[in-house]
Amino acid sequence: MNILEGQILIFEIDEENEDFREIKEIDGAIHTIFKNFSIFIIVDSLDKEIWMWIGKNASIRKKFIATQNAPNIRDKYGIDFKIKTVDEGNEPPEFKEIVGL
């Protein structure tokens, strides 16, 4: 699936490598890949926003790695992009629209 024709990029935390890895293809809505023990970054190039979705069971270590590496993703795709953190279960309407919740 071409995620909104390249307007949305998705990354998942890779705890072993202490970084994010890009997810190139998904079947269905973005939210279907979310896992409550993981952290995902969704880059919305249209609205210049980077959403960091944090699963309710994500470890402190994953949260630390994500917080350290999210600015690197921002710098790669647009230094003027705003990073927003979203906790599982407290997703705002604009985020729900992007991920299909």
Protein backbone atom coordinates (compact mmCIF):
# COMPACT_ATOMS: atom_id res chain seq x y z
CA MET A 1 0.00 0.00 0.00
CA ASN A 2 1.39 3.39 -0.94
CA ILE A 3 0.62 5.36 2.20
CA LEU A 4 -1.25 8.43 0.93
CA GLU A 5 1.06 8.68 -2.07
CA GLY A 6 4.13 9.37 0.05
CA GLN A 7 2.55 12.09 2.17
CA ILE A 8 2.68 9.90 5.29
CA LEU A 9 5.76 8.04 6.52
CA ILE A 10 5.64 5.49 9.36
CA PHE A 11 8.44 4.34 11.63
CA GLU A 12 8.47 1.83 14.49
CA ILE A 13 10.90 1.86 17.39
CA ASP A 14 13.69 -0.70 17.03
CA GLU A 15 14.89 -1.23 20.59
CA GLU A 16 17.77 -3.49 19.59
CA ASN A 17 19.33 -0.87 17.27
CA GLU A 18 18.16 2.05 19.45
CA ASP A 19 16.54 3.80 16.51
CA PHE A 20 13.41 3.79 14.37
CA ARG A 21 12.92 1.64 11.28
CA GLU A 22 10.68 2.71 8.42
CA ILE A 23 7.60 0.65 7.62
CA LYS A 24 7.19 0.76 3.88
CA GLU A 25 3.94 -1.15 3.37
CA ILE A 26 0.88 -1.94 5.42
CA ASP A 27 -2.39 -3.68 4.65
CA GLY A 28 -5.31 -1.56 5.78
CA ALA A 29 -5.45 1.49 8.02
CA ILE A 30 -2.31 2.67 9.79
CA HIS A 31 -3.68 1.92 13.27
CA THR A 32 -3.85 -1.80 12.44
CA ILE A 33 -0.07 -2.09 12.89
CA PHE A 34 -0.02 -0.42 16.32
CA LYS A 35 1.07 -2.63 19.22
CA ASN A 36 0.52 -1.53 22.81
CA PHE A 37 4.13 -2.37 23.73
CA SER A 38 5.68 -0.32 20.93
CA ILE A 39 6.15 3.27 19.77
CA PHE A 40 5.47 4.57 16.28
CA ILE A 41 6.33 7.79 14.49
CA ILE A 42 3.94 9.06 11.82
CA VAL A 43 5.33 11.83 9.62
CA ASP A 44 2.56 13.93 8.05
CA SER A 45 4.28 15.98 5.36
CA LEU A 46 1.09 17.86 4.42
CA ASP A 47 0.51 19.35 7.86
CA LYS A 48 4.22 19.37 8.79
CA GLU A 49 3.64 17.29 11.90
CA ILE A 50 5.43 14.33 13.40
CA TRP A 51 3.24 12.24 15.66
CA MET A 52 4.89 9.95 18.20
CA TRP A 53 2.31 7.35 19.26
CA ILE A 54 3.22 5.60 22.52
CA GLY A 55 1.60 2.29 23.33
CA LYS A 56 0.31 1.95 26.88
CA ASN A 57 2.73 -0.92 27.64
CA ALA A 58 5.84 0.59 25.99
CA SER A 59 8.89 0.27 28.22
CA ILE A 60 10.72 3.22 29.75
CA ARG A 61 13.74 2.30 27.63
CA LYS A 62 11.70 2.50 24.41
CA LYS A 63 10.30 5.86 25.48
CA PHE A 64 13.81 7.14 26.13
CA ILE A 65 15.09 5.90 22.74
CA ALA A 66 12.06 7.40 20.99
CA THR A 67 12.48 10.76 22.67
CA GLN A 68 16.16 10.86 21.74
CA ASN A 69 15.60 9.86 18.09
CA ALA A 70 12.38 11.68 17.13
CA PRO A 71 14.28 14.96 16.51
CA ASN A 72 16.55 13.11 14.05
CA ILE A 73 13.52 12.11 12.01
CA ARG A 74 12.22 15.67 12.16
CA ASP A 75 15.56 17.03 10.99
CA LYS A 76 15.60 14.58 8.09
CA TYR A 77 12.12 15.45 6.79
CA GLY A 78 11.65 19.06 7.83
CA ILE A 79 13.17 21.08 10.63
CA ASP A 80 9.99 23.14 10.77
CA PHE A 81 7.86 20.04 11.52
CA LYS A 82 6.25 20.00 14.96
CA ILE A 83 6.64 16.85 17.10
CA LYS A 84 3.49 15.82 18.96
CA THR A 85 3.28 12.98 21.48
CA VAL A 86 0.16 10.82 21.62
CA ASP A 87 -0.54 8.23 24.32
CA GLU A 88 -2.58 5.15 23.44
CA GLY A 89 -6.18 5.77 24.46
CA ASN A 90 -5.82 9.57 24.37
CA GLU A 91 -5.54 10.12 20.62
CA PRO A 92 -6.83 13.51 19.42
CA PRO A 93 -9.36 13.63 16.53
CA GLU A 94 -6.81 14.85 13.94
CA PHE A 95 -4.51 11.92 14.77
CA LYS A 96 -7.41 9.45 14.61
CA GLU A 97 -8.23 10.73 11.13
CA ILE A 98 -4.66 10.16 9.89
CA VAL A 99 -4.37 6.61 11.24
CA GLY A 100 -7.95 5.54 10.55
CA LEU A 101 -9.23 5.12 14.10
